[in-house]
Amino acid sequence: MVVGAVIAGGVLFFAAGVFANRILRPSVPTPEKMTTYESGVDPVGHGWSQSQVRYYLYAYLYVVFAVDAVYLFPWATVLRQFGWATLGEMGVFLGILAVGLVHAWRRGALRWS
């Protein structure tokens, strides 16, 4: 019952914000406002371009190590509560990440050019 009330309150709060935004904002659409905008540069040409696959690999490696940091920092704050078993588990986790990093490095995935 309480969870439903909190969810309903959140939905109402969101709807009130959207409604207030629609009422209070000025709306003057012009052709300049309706064009595509990218980093302050006027669009030229068509919108299709190919990118290299290795950029996805860099993004993937970044996500892997960002997730590592998300787990590592909270774990470090409670290490004394859980003891040596937790230290060993984190060692295994970091070891798996290290093996992945060494594998990516040996295959040349970390070279920019």
PDB file of N, CA and C in Angstrom:
ATOM      1  N   MET A   1       0.821  -1.193   0.000  1.00  0.00           N
ATOM      2  CA  MET A   1       0.000   0.000   0.000  1.00  0.00           C
ATOM      3  C   MET A   1       0.875   1.270   0.000  1.00  0.00           C
ATOM      4  N   VAL A   2       1.885   1.257   0.845  1.00  0.00           N
ATOM      5  CA  VAL A   2       2.764   2.416   0.931  1.00  0.00           C
ATOM      6  C   VAL A   2       3.585   2.571  -0.351  1.00  0.00           C
ATOM      7  N   VAL A   3       4.040   1.449  -0.897  1.00  0.00           N
ATOM      8  CA  VAL A   3       4.827   1.505  -2.126  1.00  0.00           C
ATOM      9  C   VAL A   3       3.985   2.074  -3.263  1.00  0.00           C
ATOM     10  N   GLY A   4       2.725   1.654  -3.356  1.00  0.00           N
ATOM     11  CA  GLY A   4       1.831   2.182  -4.384  1.00  0.00           C
ATOM     12  C   GLY A   4       1.617   3.675  -4.230  1.00  0.00           C
ATOM     13  N   ALA A   5       1.495   4.140  -2.967  1.00  0.00           N
ATOM     14  CA  ALA A   5       1.306   5.574  -2.722  1.00  0.00           C
ATOM     15  C   ALA A   5       2.556   6.364  -3.130  1.00  0.00           C
ATOM     16  N   VAL A   6       3.734   5.813  -2.861  1.00  0.00           N
ATOM     17  CA  VAL A   6       4.986   6.497  -3.244  1.00  0.00           C
ATOM     18  C   VAL A   6       5.108   6.555  -4.764  1.00  0.00           C
ATOM     19  N   ILE A   7       4.781   5.445  -5.440  1.00  0.00           N
ATOM     20  CA  ILE A   7       4.843   5.435  -6.896  1.00  0.00           C
ATOM     21  C   ILE A   7       3.842   6.414  -7.480  1.00  0.00           C
ATOM     22  N   ALA A   8       2.621   6.423  -6.952  1.00  0.00           N
ATOM     23  CA  ALA A   8       1.599   7.362  -7.446  1.00  0.00           C
ATOM     24  C   ALA A   8       2.027   8.806  -7.202  1.00  0.00           C
ATOM     25  N   GLY A   9       2.619   9.076  -6.040  1.00  0.00           N
ATOM     26  CA  GLY A   9       3.110  10.420  -5.751  1.00  0.00           C
ATOM     27  C   GLY A   9       4.212  10.833  -6.716  1.00  0.00           C
ATOM     28  N   GLY A  10       5.130   9.898  -7.041  1.00  0.00           N
ATOM     29  CA  GLY A  10       6.193  10.196  -7.986  1.00  0.00           C
ATOM     30  C   GLY A  10       5.660  10.481  -9.378  1.00  0.00           C
ATOM     31  N   VAL A  11       4.682   9.689  -9.822  1.00  0.00           N
ATOM     32  CA  VAL A  11       4.081   9.909 -11.133  1.00  0.00           C
ATOM     33  C   VAL A  11       3.363  11.253 -11.172  1.00  0.00           C
ATOM     34  N   LEU A  12       2.634  11.583 -10.123  1.00  0.00           N
ATOM     35  CA  LEU A  12       1.936  12.877 -10.073  1.00  0.00           C
ATOM     36  C   LEU A  12       2.922  14.042 -10.046  1.00  0.00           C
ATOM     37  N   PHE A  13       4.008  13.895  -9.303  1.00  0.00           N
ATOM     38  CA  PHE A  13       5.024  14.943  -9.243  1.00  0.00           C
ATOM     39  C   PHE A  13       5.648  15.163 -10.622  1.00  0.00           C
ATOM     40  N   PHE A  14       5.949  14.079 -11.316  1.00  0.00           N
ATOM     41  CA  PHE A  14       6.511  14.170 -12.670  1.00  0.00           C
ATOM     42  C   PHE A  14       5.518  14.820 -13.622  1.00  0.00           C
ATOM     43  N   ALA A  15       4.267  14.380 -13.576  1.00  0.00           N
ATOM     44  CA  ALA A  15       3.239  14.937 -14.468  1.00  0.00           C
ATOM     45  C   ALA A  15       3.024  16.418 -14.194  1.00  0.00           C
ATOM     46  N   ALA A  16       3.058  16.822 -12.929  1.00  0.00           N
ATOM     47  CA  ALA A  16       2.890  18.242 -12.596  1.00  0.00           C
ATOM     48  C   ALA A  16       4.054  19.067 -13.142  1.00  0.00           C
ATOM     49  N   GLY A  17       5.256  18.540 -13.081  1.00  0.00           N
ATOM     50  CA  GLY A  17       6.414  19.251 -13.622  1.00  0.00           C
ATOM     51  C   GLY A  17       6.333  19.410 -15.137  1.00  0.00           C
ATOM     52  N   VAL A  18       5.923  18.345 -15.827  1.00  0.00           N
ATOM     53  CA  VAL A  18       5.793  18.419 -17.278  1.00  0.00           C
ATOM     54  C   VAL A  18       4.690  19.406 -17.657  1.00  0.00           C
ATOM     55  N   PHE A  19       3.578  19.362 -16.946  1.00  0.00           N
ATOM     56  CA  PHE A  19       2.464  20.264 -17.219  1.00  0.00           C
ATOM     57  C   PHE A  19       2.865  21.718 -16.962  1.00  0.00           C
ATOM     58  N   ALA A  20       3.561  21.974 -15.853  1.00  0.00           N
ATOM     59  CA  ALA A  20       4.003  23.335 -15.539  1.00  0.00           C
ATOM     60  C   ALA A  20       4.998  23.834 -16.590  1.00  0.00           C
ATOM     61  N   ASN A  21       5.862  22.958 -17.068  1.00  0.00           N
ATOM     62  CA  ASN A  21       6.812  23.342 -18.106  1.00  0.00           C
ATOM     63  C   ASN A  21       6.083  23.751 -19.379  1.00  0.00           C
ATOM     64  N   ARG A  22       5.081  22.989 -19.751  1.00  0.00           N
ATOM     65  CA  ARG A  22       4.342  23.297 -20.972  1.00  0.00           C
ATOM     66  C   ARG A  22       3.592  24.624 -20.869  1.00  0.00           C
ATOM     67  N   ILE A  23       3.108  24.932 -19.704  1.00  0.00           N
ATOM     68  CA  ILE A  23       2.349  26.177 -19.522  1.00  0.00           C
ATOM     69  C   ILE A  23       3.276  27.389 -19.443  1.00  0.00           C
ATOM     70  N   LEU A  24       4.386  27.267 -18.742  1.00  0.00           N
ATOM     71  CA  LEU A  24       5.229  28.423 -18.442  1.00  0.00           C
ATOM     72  C   LEU A  24       6.275  28.748 -19.511  1.00  0.00           C
ATOM     73  N   ARG A  25       6.654  27.805 -20.349  1.00  0.00           N
ATOM     74  CA  ARG A  25       7.723  28.068 -21.305  1.00  0.00           C
ATOM     75  C   ARG A  25       7.204  28.856 -22.511  1.00  0.00           C
ATOM     76  N   PRO A  26       8.046  29.688 -23.079  1.00  0.00           N
ATOM     77  CA  PRO A  26       7.654  30.344 -24.325  1.00  0.00           C
ATOM     78  C   PRO A  26       7.815  29.365 -25.495  1.00  0.00           C
ATOM     79  N   SER A  27       6.916  29.460 -26.446  1.00  0.00           N
ATOM     80  CA  SER A  27       6.973  28.575 -27.607  1.00  0.00           C
ATOM     81  C   SER A  27       6.903  29.416 -28.876  1.00  0.00           C
ATOM     82  N   VAL A  28       8.070  29.635 -29.498  1.00  0.00           N
ATOM     83  CA  VAL A  28       8.156  30.402 -30.735  1.00  0.00           C
ATOM     84  C   VAL A  28       9.004  29.595 -31.713  1.00  0.00           C
ATOM     85  N   PRO A  29       8.412  28.597 -32.376  1.00  0.00           N
ATOM     86  CA  PRO A  29       9.212  27.796 -33.304  1.00  0.00           C
ATOM     87  C   PRO A  29       9.566  28.578 -34.561  1.00  0.00           C
ATOM     88  N   THR A  30      10.824  28.551 -34.927  1.00  0.00           N
ATOM     89  CA  THR A  30      11.301  29.190 -36.158  1.00  0.00           C
ATOM     90  C   THR A  30      12.082  28.146 -36.948  1.00  0.00           C
ATOM     91  N   PRO A  31      12.296  28.372 -38.239  1.00  0.00           N
ATOM     92  CA  PRO A  31      13.084  27.401 -39.020  1.00  0.00           C
ATOM     93  C   PRO A  31      14.497  27.201 -38.470  1.00  0.00           C
ATOM     94  N   GLU A  32      15.097  28.243 -37.917  1.00  0.00           N
ATOM     95  CA  GLU A  32      16.435  28.110 -37.345  1.00  0.00           C
ATOM     96  C   GLU A  32      16.424  27.192 -36.128  1.00  0.00           C
ATOM     97  N   LYS A  33      15.368  27.270 -35.332  1.00  0.00           N
ATOM     98  CA  LYS A  33      15.281  26.427 -34.146  1.00  0.00           C
ATOM     99  C   LYS A  33      14.981  24.971 -34.492  1.00  0.00           C
ATOM    100  N   MET A  34      14.397  24.728 -35.632  1.00  0.00           N
ATOM    101  CA  MET A  34      13.995  23.376 -36.003  1.00  0.00           C
ATOM    102  C   MET A  34      15.073  22.619 -36.787  1.00  0.00           C
ATOM    103  N   THR A  35      16.197  23.265 -37.114  1.00  0.00           N
ATOM    104  CA  THR A  35      17.256  22.573 -37.847  1.00  0.00           C
ATOM    105  C   THR A  35      18.084  21.715 -36.896  1.00  0.00           C
ATOM    106  N   THR A  36      18.803  20.778 -37.478  1.00  0.00           N
ATOM    107  CA  THR A  36      19.682  19.917 -36.695  1.00  0.00           C
ATOM    108  C   THR A  36      20.868  20.738 -36.192  1.00  0.00           C
ATOM    109  N   TYR A  37      21.276  20.515 -34.957  1.00  0.00           N
ATOM    110  CA  TYR A  37      22.355  21.272 -34.349  1.00  0.00           C
ATOM    111  C   TYR A  37      23.350  20.289 -33.751  1.00  0.00           C
ATOM    112  N   GLU A  38      24.605  20.431 -34.108  1.00  0.00           N
ATOM    113  CA  GLU A  38      25.619  19.538 -33.579  1.00  0.00           C
ATOM    114  C   GLU A  38      26.869  20.317 -33.221  1.00  0.00           C
ATOM    115  N   SER A  39      27.100  20.542 -31.961  1.00  0.00           N
ATOM    116  CA  SER A  39      28.325  21.158 -31.448  1.00  0.00           C
ATOM    117  C   SER A  39      28.608  22.531 -32.059  1.00  0.00           C
ATOM    118  N   GLY A  40      27.598  23.306 -32.336  1.00  0.00           N
ATOM    119  CA  GLY A  40      27.789  24.648 -32.837  1.00  0.00           C
ATOM    120  C   GLY A  40      28.127  24.736 -34.303  1.00  0.00           C
ATOM    121  N   VAL A  41      28.089  23.624 -35.019  1.00  0.00           N
ATOM    122  CA  VAL A  41      28.429  23.604 -36.434  1.00  0.00           C
ATOM    123  C   VAL A  41      27.158  23.380 -37.239  1.00  0.00           C
ATOM    124  N   ASP A  42      26.964  24.169 -38.285  1.00  0.00           N
ATOM    125  CA  ASP A  42      25.806  23.966 -39.135  1.00  0.00           C
ATOM    126  C   ASP A  42      25.928  22.636 -39.862  1.00  0.00           C
ATOM    127  N   PRO A  43      24.819  21.913 -39.994  1.00  0.00           N
ATOM    128  CA  PRO A  43      24.892  20.622 -40.667  1.00  0.00           C
ATOM    129  C   PRO A  43      25.203  20.784 -42.154  1.00  0.00           C
ATOM    130  N   VAL A  44      26.152  19.992 -42.644  1.00  0.00           N
ATOM    131  CA  VAL A  44      26.546  20.017 -44.053  1.00  0.00           C
ATOM    132  C   VAL A  44      26.563  18.577 -44.542  1.00  0.00           C
ATOM    133  N   GLY A  45      25.991  18.332 -45.686  1.00  0.00           N
ATOM    134  CA  GLY A  45      26.001  16.988 -46.247  1.00  0.00           C
ATOM    135  C   GLY A  45      24.904  16.121 -45.652  1.00  0.00           C
ATOM    136  N   HIS A  46      25.063  14.823 -45.783  1.00  0.00           N
ATOM    137  CA  HIS A  46      24.070  13.901 -45.258  1.00  0.00           C
ATOM    138  C   HIS A  46      24.491  13.399 -43.881  1.00  0.00           C
ATOM    139  N   GLY A  47      23.574  12.789 -43.174  1.00  0.00           N
ATOM    140  CA  GLY A  47      23.818  12.406 -41.789  1.00  0.00           C
ATOM    141  C   GLY A  47      24.410  11.031 -41.593  1.00  0.00           C
ATOM    142  N   TRP A  48      24.857  10.352 -42.631  1.00  0.00           N
ATOM    143  CA  TRP A  48      25.407   9.011 -42.496  1.00  0.00           C
ATOM    144  C   TRP A  48      26.927   9.064 -42.560  1.00  0.00           C
ATOM    145  N   SER A  49      27.560   8.446 -41.592  1.00  0.00           N
ATOM    146  CA  SER A  49      29.014   8.315 -41.629  1.00  0.00           C
ATOM    147  C   SER A  49      29.395   7.010 -40.958  1.00  0.00           C
ATOM    148  N   GLN A  50      30.448   6.407 -41.418  1.00  0.00           N
ATOM    149  CA  GLN A  50      30.914   5.158 -40.837  1.00  0.00           C
ATOM    150  C   GLN A  50      31.974   5.454 -39.794  1.00  0.00           C
ATOM    151  N   SER A  51      31.957   4.674 -38.733  1.00  0.00           N
ATOM    152  CA  SER A  51      33.001   4.788 -37.725  1.00  0.00           C
ATOM    153  C   SER A  51      33.665   3.433 -37.574  1.00  0.00           C
ATOM    154  N   GLN A  52      34.878   3.440 -37.092  1.00  0.00           N
ATOM    155  CA  GLN A  52      35.633   2.201 -36.996  1.00  0.00           C
ATOM    156  C   GLN A  52      35.194   1.396 -35.782  1.00  0.00           C
ATOM    157  N   VAL A  53      35.313   0.097 -35.900  1.00  0.00           N
ATOM    158  CA  VAL A  53      34.853  -0.807 -34.855  1.00  0.00           C
ATOM    159  C   VAL A  53      35.689  -0.646 -33.586  1.00  0.00           C
ATOM    160  N   ARG A  54      36.948  -0.257 -33.722  1.00  0.00           N
ATOM    161  CA  ARG A  54      37.792  -0.186 -32.525  1.00  0.00           C
ATOM    162  C   ARG A  54      37.306   0.872 -31.543  1.00  0.00           C
ATOM    163  N   TYR A  55      36.559   1.858 -31.982  1.00  0.00           N
ATOM    164  CA  TYR A  55      36.019   2.829 -31.036  1.00  0.00           C
ATOM    165  C   TYR A  55      35.018   2.166 -30.097  1.00  0.00           C
ATOM    166  N   TYR A  56      34.292   1.192 -30.616  1.00  0.00           N
ATOM    167  CA  TYR A  56      33.388   0.439 -29.749  1.00  0.00           C
ATOM    168  C   TYR A  56      34.166  -0.395 -28.756  1.00  0.00           C
ATOM    169  N   LEU A  57      35.309  -0.897 -29.166  1.00  0.00           N
ATOM    170  CA  LEU A  57      36.156  -1.657 -28.259  1.00  0.00           C
ATOM    171  C   LEU A  57      36.681  -0.771 -27.135  1.00  0.00           C
ATOM    172  N   TYR A  58      37.104   0.444 -27.472  1.00  0.00           N
ATOM    173  CA  TYR A  58      37.540   1.378 -26.421  1.00  0.00           C
ATOM    174  C   TYR A  58      36.395   1.674 -25.456  1.00  0.00           C
ATOM    175  N   ALA A  59      35.214   1.882 -25.994  1.00  0.00           N
ATOM    176  CA  ALA A  59      34.060   2.156 -25.132  1.00  0.00           C
ATOM    177  C   ALA A  59      33.763   0.957 -24.247  1.00  0.00           C
ATOM    178  N   TYR A  60      33.846  -0.241 -24.808  1.00  0.00           N
ATOM    179  CA  TYR A  60      33.586  -1.443 -24.031  1.00  0.00           C
ATOM    180  C   TYR A  60      34.599  -1.599 -22.904  1.00  0.00           C
ATOM    181  N   LEU A  61      35.874  -1.401 -23.213  1.00  0.00           N
ATOM    182  CA  LEU A  61      36.908  -1.504 -22.185  1.00  0.00           C
ATOM    183  C   LEU A  61      36.715  -0.446 -21.100  1.00  0.00           C
ATOM    184  N   TYR A  62      36.306   0.753 -21.494  1.00  0.00           N
ATOM    185  CA  TYR A  62      36.042   1.790 -20.502  1.00  0.00           C
ATOM    186  C   TYR A  62      34.904   1.376 -19.578  1.00  0.00           C
ATOM    187  N   VAL A  63      33.846   0.843 -20.149  1.00  0.00           N
ATOM    188  CA  VAL A  63      32.701   0.427 -19.330  1.00  0.00           C
ATOM    189  C   VAL A  63      33.113  -0.672 -18.367  1.00  0.00           C
ATOM    190  N   VAL A  64      33.911  -1.624 -18.835  1.00  0.00           N
ATOM    191  CA  VAL A  64      34.356  -2.707 -17.959  1.00  0.00           C
ATOM    192  C   VAL A  64      35.114  -2.148 -16.767  1.00  0.00           C
ATOM    193  N   PHE A  65      36.028  -1.226 -16.993  1.00  0.00           N
ATOM    194  CA  PHE A  65      36.828  -0.714 -15.891  1.00  0.00           C
ATOM    195  C   PHE A  65      36.071   0.323 -15.063  1.00  0.00           C
ATOM    196  N   ALA A  66      35.080   0.976 -15.620  1.00  0.00           N
ATOM    197  CA  ALA A  66      34.238   1.867 -14.823  1.00  0.00           C
ATOM    198  C   ALA A  66      33.378   1.040 -13.873  1.00  0.00           C
ATOM    199  N   VAL A  67      32.858  -0.086 -14.354  1.00  0.00           N
ATOM    200  CA  VAL A  67      32.085  -0.973 -13.485  1.00  0.00           C
ATOM    201  C   VAL A  67      32.977  -1.541 -12.397  1.00  0.00           C
ATOM    202  N   ASP A  68      34.221  -1.823 -12.741  1.00  0.00           N
ATOM    203  CA  ASP A  68      35.180  -2.279 -11.742  1.00  0.00           C
ATOM    204  C   ASP A  68      35.296  -1.253 -10.625  1.00  0.00           C
ATOM    205  N   ALA A  69      35.413   0.008 -10.984  1.00  0.00           N
ATOM    206  CA  ALA A  69      35.539   1.055  -9.964  1.00  0.00           C
ATOM    207  C   ALA A  69      34.271   1.166  -9.135  1.00  0.00           C
ATOM    208  N   VAL A  70      33.134   0.952  -9.743  1.00  0.00           N
ATOM    209  CA  VAL A  70      31.864   1.029  -9.005  1.00  0.00           C
ATOM    210  C   VAL A  70      31.817  -0.035  -7.915  1.00  0.00           C
ATOM    211  N   TYR A  71      32.359  -1.227  -8.193  1.00  0.00           N
ATOM    212  CA  TYR A  71      32.377  -2.279  -7.182  1.00  0.00           C
ATOM    213  C   TYR A  71      33.547  -2.147  -6.217  1.00  0.00           C
ATOM    214  N   LEU A  72      34.646  -1.598  -6.670  1.00  0.00           N
ATOM    215  CA  LEU A  72      35.859  -1.566  -5.859  1.00  0.00           C
ATOM    216  C   LEU A  72      35.788  -0.541  -4.730  1.00  0.00           C
ATOM    217  N   PHE A  73      35.284   0.645  -4.989  1.00  0.00           N
ATOM    218  CA  PHE A  73      35.276   1.679  -3.954  1.00  0.00           C
ATOM    219  C   PHE A  73      34.347   1.350  -2.774  1.00  0.00           C
ATOM    220  N   PRO A  74      33.105   0.917  -2.995  1.00  0.00           N
ATOM    221  CA  PRO A  74      32.292   0.559  -1.820  1.00  0.00           C
ATOM    222  C   PRO A  74      32.858  -0.645  -1.076  1.00  0.00           C
ATOM    223  N   TRP A  75      33.452  -1.587  -1.794  1.00  0.00           N
ATOM    224  CA  TRP A  75      34.038  -2.753  -1.146  1.00  0.00           C
ATOM    225  C   TRP A  75      35.174  -2.337  -0.215  1.00  0.00           C
ATOM    226  N   ALA A  76      35.966  -1.370  -0.630  1.00  0.00           N
ATOM    227  CA  ALA A  76      37.110  -0.939   0.178  1.00  0.00           C
ATOM    228  C   ALA A  76      36.666  -0.303   1.487  1.00  0.00           C
ATOM    229  N   THR A  77      35.477   0.271   1.509  1.00  0.00           N
ATOM    230  CA  THR A  77      35.015   0.924   2.742  1.00  0.00           C
ATOM    231  C   THR A  77      34.543  -0.076   3.790  1.00  0.00           C
ATOM    232  N   VAL A  78      34.178  -1.292   3.393  1.00  0.00           N
ATOM    233  CA  VAL A  78      33.664  -2.280   4.352  1.00  0.00           C
ATOM    234  C   VAL A  78      34.573  -3.505   4.453  1.00  0.00           C
ATOM    235  N   LEU A  79      35.819  -3.391   4.049  1.00  0.00           N
ATOM    236  CA  LEU A  79      36.738  -4.519   4.039  1.00  0.00           C
ATOM    237  C   LEU A  79      36.939  -5.097   5.441  1.00  0.00           C
ATOM    238  N   ARG A  80      37.037  -4.264   6.436  1.00  0.00           N
ATOM    239  CA  ARG A  80      37.283  -4.754   7.800  1.00  0.00           C
ATOM    240  C   ARG A  80      36.116  -5.572   8.338  1.00  0.00           C
ATOM    241  N   GLN A  81      34.913  -5.277   7.902  1.00  0.00           N
ATOM    242  CA  GLN A  81      33.742  -6.018   8.387  1.00  0.00           C
ATOM    243  C   GLN A  81      33.711  -7.445   7.852  1.00  0.00           C
ATOM    244  N   PHE A  82      34.188  -7.662   6.643  1.00  0.00           N
ATOM    245  CA  PHE A  82      34.027  -8.967   6.010  1.00  0.00           C
ATOM    246  C   PHE A  82      35.273  -9.836   6.076  1.00  0.00           C
ATOM    247  N   GLY A  83      36.434  -9.272   6.282  1.00  0.00           N
ATOM    248  CA  GLY A  83      37.634 -10.052   6.521  1.00  0.00           C
ATOM    249  C   GLY A  83      38.350 -10.557   5.285  1.00  0.00           C
ATOM    250  N   TRP A  84      39.144 -11.629   5.527  1.00  0.00           N
ATOM    251  CA  TRP A  84      40.064 -12.140   4.510  1.00  0.00           C
ATOM    252  C   TRP A  84      39.346 -12.814   3.340  1.00  0.00           C
ATOM    253  N   ALA A  85      38.195 -13.418   3.580  1.00  0.00           N
ATOM    254  CA  ALA A  85      37.474 -14.087   2.484  1.00  0.00           C
ATOM    255  C   ALA A  85      37.086 -13.074   1.410  1.00  0.00           C
ATOM    256  N   THR A  86      36.659 -11.915   1.845  1.00  0.00           N
ATOM    257  CA  THR A  86      36.274 -10.874   0.896  1.00  0.00           C
ATOM    258  C   THR A  86      37.499 -10.350   0.151  1.00  0.00           C
ATOM    259  N   LEU A  87      38.613 -10.287   0.831  1.00  0.00           N
ATOM    260  CA  LEU A  87      39.841  -9.860   0.164  1.00  0.00           C
ATOM    261  C   LEU A  87      40.217 -10.846  -0.933  1.00  0.00           C
ATOM    262  N   GLY A  88      40.072 -12.125  -0.671  1.00  0.00           N
ATOM    263  CA  GLY A  88      40.349 -13.130  -1.689  1.00  0.00           C
ATOM    264  C   GLY A  88      39.387 -13.052  -2.863  1.00  0.00           C
ATOM    265  N   GLU A  89      38.113 -12.828  -2.581  1.00  0.00           N
ATOM    266  CA  GLU A  89      37.127 -12.705  -3.655  1.00  0.00           C
ATOM    267  C   GLU A  89      37.426 -11.492  -4.537  1.00  0.00           C
ATOM    268  N   MET A  90      37.810 -10.392  -3.920  1.00  0.00           N
ATOM    269  CA  MET A  90      38.143  -9.214  -4.712  1.00  0.00           C
ATOM    270  C   MET A  90      39.424  -9.443  -5.494  1.00  0.00           C
ATOM    271  N   GLY A  91      40.354 -10.213  -4.947  1.00  0.00           N
ATOM    272  CA  GLY A  91      41.552 -10.557  -5.685  1.00  0.00           C
ATOM    273  C   GLY A  91      41.228 -11.364  -6.935  1.00  0.00           C
ATOM    274  N   VAL A  92      40.288 -12.303  -6.817  1.00  0.00           N
ATOM    275  CA  VAL A  92      39.858 -13.077  -7.990  1.00  0.00           C
ATOM    276  C   VAL A  92      39.212 -12.149  -9.011  1.00  0.00           C
ATOM    277  N   PHE A  93      38.349 -11.246  -8.559  1.00  0.00           N
ATOM    278  CA  PHE A  93      37.673 -10.302  -9.454  1.00  0.00           C
ATOM    279  C   PHE A  93      38.683  -9.435 -10.192  1.00  0.00           C
ATOM    280  N   LEU A  94      39.635  -8.876  -9.467  1.00  0.00           N
ATOM    281  CA  LEU A  94      40.654  -8.041 -10.104  1.00  0.00           C
ATOM    282  C   LEU A  94      41.576  -8.868 -10.995  1.00  0.00           C
ATOM    283  N   GLY A  95      41.815 -10.123 -10.622  1.00  0.00           N
ATOM    284  CA  GLY A  95      42.625 -10.991 -11.464  1.00  0.00           C
ATOM    285  C   GLY A  95      41.967 -11.264 -12.811  1.00  0.00           C
ATOM    286  N   ILE A  96      40.651 -11.492 -12.797  1.00  0.00           N
ATOM    287  CA  ILE A  96      39.929 -11.703 -14.051  1.00  0.00           C
ATOM    288  C   ILE A  96      39.997 -10.452 -14.919  1.00  0.00           C
ATOM    289  N   LEU A  97      39.832  -9.285 -14.307  1.00  0.00           N
ATOM    290  CA  LEU A  97      39.953  -8.042 -15.068  1.00  0.00           C
ATOM    291  C   LEU A  97      41.365  -7.847 -15.606  1.00  0.00           C
ATOM    292  N   ALA A  98      42.358  -8.217 -14.819  1.00  0.00           N
ATOM    293  CA  ALA A  98      43.741  -8.081 -15.280  1.00  0.00           C
ATOM    294  C   ALA A  98      44.015  -9.006 -16.462  1.00  0.00           C
ATOM    295  N   VAL A  99      43.475 -10.228 -16.414  1.00  0.00           N
ATOM    296  CA  VAL A  99      43.651 -11.151 -17.545  1.00  0.00           C
ATOM    297  C   VAL A  99      42.998 -10.562 -18.798  1.00  0.00           C
ATOM    298  N   GLY A 100      41.823  -9.973 -18.642  1.00  0.00           N
ATOM    299  CA  GLY A 100      41.157  -9.339 -19.784  1.00  0.00           C
ATOM    300  C   GLY A 100      41.956  -8.169 -20.330  1.00  0.00           C
ATOM    301  N   LEU A 101      42.536  -7.376 -19.455  1.00  0.00           N
ATOM    302  CA  LEU A 101      43.346  -6.242 -19.893  1.00  0.00           C
ATOM    303  C   LEU A 101      44.605  -6.705 -20.614  1.00  0.00           C
ATOM    304  N   VAL A 102      45.271  -7.729 -20.086  1.00  0.00           N
ATOM    305  CA  VAL A 102      46.469  -8.261 -20.734  1.00  0.00           C
ATOM    306  C   VAL A 102      46.107  -8.849 -22.096  1.00  0.00           C
ATOM    307  N   HIS A 103      44.989  -9.530 -22.178  1.00  0.00           N
ATOM    308  CA  HIS A 103      44.547 -10.102 -23.455  1.00  0.00           C
ATOM    309  C   HIS A 103      44.297  -8.998 -24.482  1.00  0.00           C
ATOM    310  N   ALA A 104      43.607  -7.940 -24.069  1.00  0.00           N
ATOM    311  CA  ALA A 104      43.342  -6.818 -24.988  1.00  0.00           C
ATOM    312  C   ALA A 104      44.644  -6.145 -25.410  1.00  0.00           C
ATOM    313  N   TRP A 105      45.575  -6.032 -24.491  1.00  0.00           N
ATOM    314  CA  TRP A 105      46.855  -5.391 -24.796  1.00  0.00           C
ATOM    315  C   TRP A 105      47.667  -6.233 -25.779  1.00  0.00           C
ATOM    316  N   ARG A 106      47.715  -7.554 -25.556  1.00  0.00           N
ATOM    317  CA  ARG A 106      48.502  -8.435 -26.429  1.00  0.00           C
ATOM    318  C   ARG A 106      47.911  -8.523 -27.833  1.00  0.00           C
ATOM    319  N   ARG A 107      46.615  -8.385 -27.952  1.00  0.00           N
ATOM    320  CA  ARG A 107      45.979  -8.428 -29.276  1.00  0.00           C
ATOM    321  C   ARG A 107      46.057  -7.086 -29.985  1.00  0.00           C
ATOM    322  N   GLY A 108      46.581  -6.059 -29.316  1.00  0.00           N
ATOM    323  CA  GLY A 108      46.744  -4.756 -29.932  1.00  0.00           C
ATOM    324  C   GLY A 108      45.478  -3.910 -29.891  1.00  0.00           C
ATOM    325  N   ALA A 109      44.548  -4.272 -29.025  1.00  0.00           N
ATOM    326  CA  ALA A 109      43.287  -3.526 -28.966  1.00  0.00           C
ATOM    327  C   ALA A 109      43.452  -2.154 -28.330  1.00  0.00           C
ATOM    328  N   LEU A 110      44.529  -1.944 -27.618  1.00  0.00           N
ATOM    329  CA  LEU A 110      44.718  -0.668 -26.932  1.00  0.00           C
ATOM    330  C   LEU A 110      45.554   0.316 -27.735  1.00  0.00           C
ATOM    331  N   ARG A 111      45.998  -0.072 -28.921  1.00  0.00           N
ATOM    332  CA  ARG A 111      46.708   0.862 -29.791  1.00  0.00           C
ATOM    333  C   ARG A 111      45.720   1.777 -30.492  1.00  0.00           C
ATOM    334  N   TRP A 112      45.989   3.038 -30.495  1.00  0.00           N
ATOM    335  CA  TRP A 112      45.050   4.007 -31.082  1.00  0.00           C
ATOM    336  C   TRP A 112      45.094   3.989 -32.603  1.00  0.00           C
ATOM    337  N   SER A 113      46.247   3.834 -33.199  1.00  0.00           N
ATOM    338  CA  SER A 113      46.356   3.918 -34.658  1.00  0.00           C
ATOM    339  C   SER A 113      46.238   2.560 -35.318  1.00  0.00           C
TER     340      SER A 113
END
